[in-house]
Each structure stands twice: as C-alpha cells, then as structure tokens.
N, C-alpha and C. Protein backbone atom coordinates (compact mmCIF):
# COMPACT_ATOMS: atom_id res chain seq x y z
N MET A 1 -0.83 -8.55 17.27
CA MET A 1 -0.95 -9.30 16.04
C MET A 1 0.44 -9.50 15.45
N LEU A 2 0.80 -10.71 15.13
CA LEU A 2 2.09 -11.01 14.56
C LEU A 2 1.89 -11.63 13.19
N CYS A 3 2.44 -10.98 12.17
CA CYS A 3 2.23 -11.42 10.78
C CYS A 3 3.54 -11.78 10.08
N VAL A 4 4.58 -12.07 10.82
CA VAL A 4 5.86 -12.40 10.21
C VAL A 4 5.68 -13.61 9.30
N GLY A 5 6.20 -13.49 8.09
CA GLY A 5 6.07 -14.56 7.11
C GLY A 5 4.76 -14.54 6.36
N LYS A 6 3.92 -13.58 6.61
CA LYS A 6 2.63 -13.46 5.93
C LYS A 6 2.72 -12.39 4.86
N ARG A 7 1.89 -12.52 3.84
CA ARG A 7 1.81 -11.55 2.75
C ARG A 7 0.41 -10.96 2.77
N ALA A 8 0.33 -9.62 2.73
CA ALA A 8 -0.96 -8.94 2.77
C ALA A 8 -1.16 -8.15 1.48
N PHE A 9 -2.33 -8.33 0.87
CA PHE A 9 -2.72 -7.55 -0.30
C PHE A 9 -3.83 -6.61 0.12
N ILE A 10 -3.59 -5.31 -0.02
CA ILE A 10 -4.57 -4.31 0.37
C ILE A 10 -5.02 -3.58 -0.89
N ALA A 11 -6.30 -3.67 -1.19
CA ALA A 11 -6.87 -3.02 -2.38
C ALA A 11 -7.35 -1.62 -2.02
N GLY A 12 -7.20 -0.71 -2.95
CA GLY A 12 -7.74 0.63 -2.78
C GLY A 12 -6.78 1.63 -2.19
N VAL A 13 -5.50 1.39 -2.29
CA VAL A 13 -4.51 2.34 -1.78
C VAL A 13 -4.09 3.24 -2.95
N ALA A 14 -4.36 4.54 -2.83
CA ALA A 14 -3.98 5.48 -3.89
C ALA A 14 -3.12 6.61 -3.36
N ASP A 15 -3.04 6.73 -2.04
CA ASP A 15 -2.20 7.75 -1.42
C ASP A 15 -1.96 7.33 0.03
N ASP A 16 -1.43 8.24 0.83
CA ASP A 16 -1.12 7.89 2.22
C ASP A 16 -2.13 8.47 3.20
N ASN A 17 -3.34 8.74 2.72
CA ASN A 17 -4.36 9.36 3.57
C ASN A 17 -5.65 8.57 3.67
N GLY A 18 -5.59 7.29 3.72
CA GLY A 18 -6.84 6.55 3.79
C GLY A 18 -6.74 5.30 4.65
N TYR A 19 -7.87 4.62 4.71
CA TYR A 19 -7.93 3.38 5.48
C TYR A 19 -6.97 2.32 4.93
N GLY A 20 -6.88 2.24 3.60
CA GLY A 20 -5.99 1.25 3.00
C GLY A 20 -4.55 1.43 3.43
N TRP A 21 -4.09 2.67 3.43
CA TRP A 21 -2.72 2.97 3.86
C TRP A 21 -2.53 2.60 5.33
N ALA A 22 -3.51 2.97 6.15
CA ALA A 22 -3.42 2.68 7.59
C ALA A 22 -3.39 1.18 7.84
N ILE A 23 -4.18 0.44 7.10
CA ILE A 23 -4.20 -1.02 7.23
C ILE A 23 -2.85 -1.59 6.80
N ALA A 24 -2.34 -1.12 5.66
CA ALA A 24 -1.04 -1.60 5.18
C ALA A 24 0.06 -1.33 6.20
N LYS A 25 0.05 -0.13 6.77
CA LYS A 25 1.09 0.23 7.74
C LYS A 25 0.98 -0.63 9.00
N SER A 26 -0.23 -0.87 9.47
CA SER A 26 -0.41 -1.72 10.66
C SER A 26 0.09 -3.13 10.41
N LEU A 27 -0.22 -3.66 9.23
CA LEU A 27 0.24 -5.01 8.90
C LEU A 27 1.76 -5.05 8.72
N ALA A 28 2.33 -3.98 8.17
CA ALA A 28 3.79 -3.90 8.05
C ALA A 28 4.44 -3.86 9.43
N GLU A 29 3.83 -3.10 10.35
CA GLU A 29 4.34 -3.06 11.73
C GLU A 29 4.35 -4.45 12.35
N ALA A 30 3.38 -5.28 11.96
CA ALA A 30 3.27 -6.63 12.51
C ALA A 30 4.16 -7.62 11.77
N GLY A 31 4.85 -7.15 10.72
CA GLY A 31 5.80 -8.01 10.04
C GLY A 31 5.37 -8.58 8.71
N ALA A 32 4.21 -8.19 8.21
CA ALA A 32 3.73 -8.74 6.93
C ALA A 32 4.41 -8.07 5.75
N GLU A 33 4.55 -8.82 4.67
CA GLU A 33 5.00 -8.28 3.40
C GLU A 33 3.79 -7.57 2.78
N ILE A 34 3.99 -6.37 2.24
CA ILE A 34 2.88 -5.55 1.78
C ILE A 34 2.84 -5.47 0.25
N LEU A 35 1.65 -5.78 -0.28
CA LEU A 35 1.34 -5.61 -1.70
C LEU A 35 0.07 -4.78 -1.75
N VAL A 36 0.02 -3.82 -2.67
CA VAL A 36 -1.18 -2.99 -2.75
C VAL A 36 -1.75 -2.98 -4.16
N GLY A 37 -3.04 -2.69 -4.22
CA GLY A 37 -3.72 -2.51 -5.49
C GLY A 37 -4.32 -1.13 -5.53
N THR A 38 -4.16 -0.45 -6.66
CA THR A 38 -4.70 0.89 -6.78
C THR A 38 -5.45 1.04 -8.10
N TRP A 39 -6.37 1.97 -8.12
CA TRP A 39 -7.17 2.26 -9.29
C TRP A 39 -6.26 2.67 -10.44
N VAL A 40 -6.50 2.14 -11.62
CA VAL A 40 -5.62 2.36 -12.77
C VAL A 40 -5.33 3.84 -13.04
N PRO A 41 -6.33 4.75 -13.04
CA PRO A 41 -5.99 6.16 -13.28
C PRO A 41 -5.08 6.78 -12.22
N ALA A 42 -5.01 6.22 -11.04
CA ALA A 42 -4.15 6.75 -9.98
C ALA A 42 -2.80 6.04 -9.91
N LEU A 43 -2.64 4.97 -10.66
CA LEU A 43 -1.44 4.13 -10.56
C LEU A 43 -0.15 4.90 -10.79
N ASN A 44 -0.05 5.63 -11.90
CA ASN A 44 1.20 6.35 -12.20
C ASN A 44 1.51 7.41 -11.15
N ILE A 45 0.49 8.12 -10.70
CA ILE A 45 0.69 9.15 -9.68
C ILE A 45 1.18 8.51 -8.38
N PHE A 46 0.55 7.41 -7.98
CA PHE A 46 0.95 6.72 -6.74
C PHE A 46 2.38 6.22 -6.82
N GLU A 47 2.71 5.52 -7.91
CA GLU A 47 4.06 4.97 -8.05
C GLU A 47 5.11 6.09 -8.13
N SER A 48 4.81 7.16 -8.82
CA SER A 48 5.73 8.28 -8.93
C SER A 48 5.95 8.93 -7.56
N SER A 49 4.89 9.15 -6.82
CA SER A 49 5.00 9.74 -5.49
C SER A 49 5.80 8.84 -4.56
N LEU A 50 5.60 7.54 -4.67
CA LEU A 50 6.34 6.57 -3.85
C LEU A 50 7.83 6.64 -4.17
N ARG A 51 8.16 6.65 -5.46
CA ARG A 51 9.57 6.72 -5.89
C ARG A 51 10.25 8.02 -5.47
N ARG A 52 9.52 9.13 -5.56
CA ARG A 52 10.10 10.44 -5.23
C ARG A 52 10.21 10.69 -3.73
N GLY A 53 9.66 9.78 -2.93
CA GLY A 53 9.78 9.93 -1.48
C GLY A 53 8.69 10.76 -0.84
N LYS A 54 7.64 11.07 -1.60
CA LYS A 54 6.55 11.88 -1.05
C LYS A 54 5.91 11.24 0.17
N PHE A 55 5.89 9.91 0.21
CA PHE A 55 5.24 9.18 1.30
C PHE A 55 6.22 8.75 2.39
N ASP A 56 7.48 9.12 2.28
CA ASP A 56 8.49 8.62 3.22
C ASP A 56 8.16 8.91 4.68
N GLU A 57 7.69 10.10 4.97
CA GLU A 57 7.37 10.43 6.36
C GLU A 57 6.26 9.53 6.89
N SER A 58 5.24 9.29 6.09
CA SER A 58 4.13 8.45 6.56
C SER A 58 4.44 6.95 6.44
N ARG A 59 5.54 6.60 5.78
CA ARG A 59 5.98 5.20 5.70
C ARG A 59 6.80 4.78 6.91
N LYS A 60 7.19 5.73 7.76
CA LYS A 60 8.04 5.40 8.91
C LYS A 60 7.30 4.50 9.90
N LEU A 61 7.96 3.41 10.25
CA LEU A 61 7.43 2.47 11.23
C LEU A 61 7.99 2.81 12.60
N GLN A 62 7.47 2.19 13.61
CA GLN A 62 7.89 2.48 14.98
C GLN A 62 9.38 2.24 15.22
N ASP A 63 9.96 1.30 14.49
CA ASP A 63 11.38 1.01 14.68
C ASP A 63 12.29 1.94 13.87
N GLY A 64 11.68 2.91 13.15
CA GLY A 64 12.45 3.87 12.37
C GLY A 64 12.65 3.47 10.92
N SER A 65 12.36 2.23 10.58
CA SER A 65 12.49 1.79 9.19
C SER A 65 11.28 2.28 8.39
N LEU A 66 11.37 2.15 7.08
CA LEU A 66 10.26 2.55 6.22
C LEU A 66 9.45 1.32 5.81
N MET A 67 8.14 1.48 5.76
CA MET A 67 7.27 0.41 5.26
C MET A 67 7.65 0.15 3.81
N GLU A 68 7.94 -1.08 3.50
CA GLU A 68 8.26 -1.47 2.13
C GLU A 68 7.00 -1.99 1.46
N ILE A 69 6.78 -1.53 0.24
CA ILE A 69 5.67 -2.04 -0.57
C ILE A 69 6.31 -2.89 -1.67
N THR A 70 6.10 -4.19 -1.58
CA THR A 70 6.75 -5.13 -2.49
C THR A 70 6.29 -4.95 -3.93
N LYS A 71 4.99 -4.74 -4.11
CA LYS A 71 4.46 -4.64 -5.47
C LYS A 71 3.19 -3.80 -5.44
N VAL A 72 3.00 -3.03 -6.50
CA VAL A 72 1.78 -2.25 -6.68
C VAL A 72 1.08 -2.81 -7.92
N TYR A 73 -0.15 -3.24 -7.73
CA TYR A 73 -0.94 -3.81 -8.81
C TYR A 73 -2.01 -2.84 -9.28
N PRO A 74 -2.22 -2.74 -10.61
CA PRO A 74 -3.34 -1.95 -11.11
C PRO A 74 -4.63 -2.74 -10.92
N LEU A 75 -5.65 -2.06 -10.40
CA LEU A 75 -6.95 -2.71 -10.20
C LEU A 75 -8.00 -1.94 -10.98
N ASP A 76 -8.80 -2.66 -11.72
CA ASP A 76 -9.91 -2.05 -12.43
C ASP A 76 -10.99 -3.10 -12.60
N ALA A 77 -12.20 -2.67 -12.57
CA ALA A 77 -13.31 -3.59 -12.77
C ALA A 77 -14.33 -2.92 -13.67
N VAL A 78 -14.80 -3.66 -14.64
CA VAL A 78 -15.82 -3.17 -15.55
C VAL A 78 -16.97 -4.16 -15.49
N TYR A 79 -18.16 -3.64 -15.27
CA TYR A 79 -19.34 -4.50 -15.21
C TYR A 79 -20.27 -4.13 -16.35
N ASP A 80 -20.56 -5.11 -17.20
CA ASP A 80 -21.50 -4.87 -18.31
C ASP A 80 -22.94 -4.91 -17.82
N THR A 81 -23.19 -5.78 -16.86
CA THR A 81 -24.54 -5.89 -16.30
C THR A 81 -24.42 -5.99 -14.80
N PRO A 82 -25.40 -5.40 -14.10
CA PRO A 82 -25.34 -5.47 -12.63
C PRO A 82 -25.53 -6.89 -12.12
C-alpha cells in the first residue's frame, strides 16, 4: 500500500496500545500524513505523553524515523436522543 501524498485521519487514538495506533503507524509506514482524534478527557494526557517522548519507542518506523502526528483533534459526541 502506498499512501504518499495522502492524509489519514484516525479517530479513537488515546495511547500507543490500540488498533487506532496500529492503523496510524501502518499508514505512516506507507507515507501518509497522520492526523488523529482522541476523546476529550484523554486529550491532555495523550498530548503530554507525546511531547514527553513516552511514545517514541512505539513511534519508530522501519526506516528508523519516528511517526509524525501532524495534528491531534479533540473528539466528543453528545446525543440527546437515540
């Protein structure tokens, strides 16, 4: 899969231990620009961990570079009626 020049938005990334992270990393390996959305209560923790380098080991790509996350968006949904 080659995604050079493509932008990928992955919703539901709150740490480096889930499907969202794995999907983001696979798309980054293929050359896509990565944007993620995370649940509002987890946003500050995620961004802080990212800045402090907590995810650096799991951000490593096959070529030795780190997966770059261009932007982190807060995601929240409220439903008044089903």
